Amino acid sequence: MIECHVGPSPLGHILYRAEDDCLTGLFFLGQKHFPAGLPEPTLSETPPASRVIGEAREQIGEYFSGVRKAFSIPLTLNGTAFQRQVWDALRQIPFGEAWTYGDLARRLGLPAGASRAVGGANGRNPIAIIVPCHRVIGGDGELTGYAGGVERKRHLLTLEGGPGREQLALF
């Protein structure tokens, strides 16, 4: 069974998608690479029927409250073998830290020129926040490339006490 549910967050509404007993999507409404073919997203007034969506909403709420640093939601990441390899590596980035696209490529055993391919896979991550693609920054420390928008990326990194809080002070 597939279920979609829209819930609020401090950074805008989030669409949760679950299939069977696994979370398969977590997207900010209006973000880049928002999946086609989903029902028209509207804020859900009723609790989700899916247990995993209910748990995901609870854990995302705890994350935004500063209580949660790691997630324990069962996930299914649908993508190419290369994308899944990148997304698995993203889950190794510790809370409060950031890696560059080059760091990520090197950790995957890829040549230096693979940063662009890694960035492409990173940008298509189907489960924002939980699979922390926001923890990847440019080689020069810039907050680049986030499907949910750079302002959301800055907020997430600031919430985690990592890179971005210095830039936040500039605005």
Foldseek 3Di string as FASTA:
>chain_A
DKDWAWAADPLAIWIWIDDDQATAAIGHPPFPLDDPPDPDDDHDPDDDPHPLVNQVVVQRVCLRVLNDFADDTHHDYDDDPVLVLLLVLLQVAGQLAAAELQRSCVVSVHDSVCSVVSLVSLQNGRYDPNSDSLRYDHPVLHRDRHRSDSVVSLVSSVSSNHRNPVVVVVD
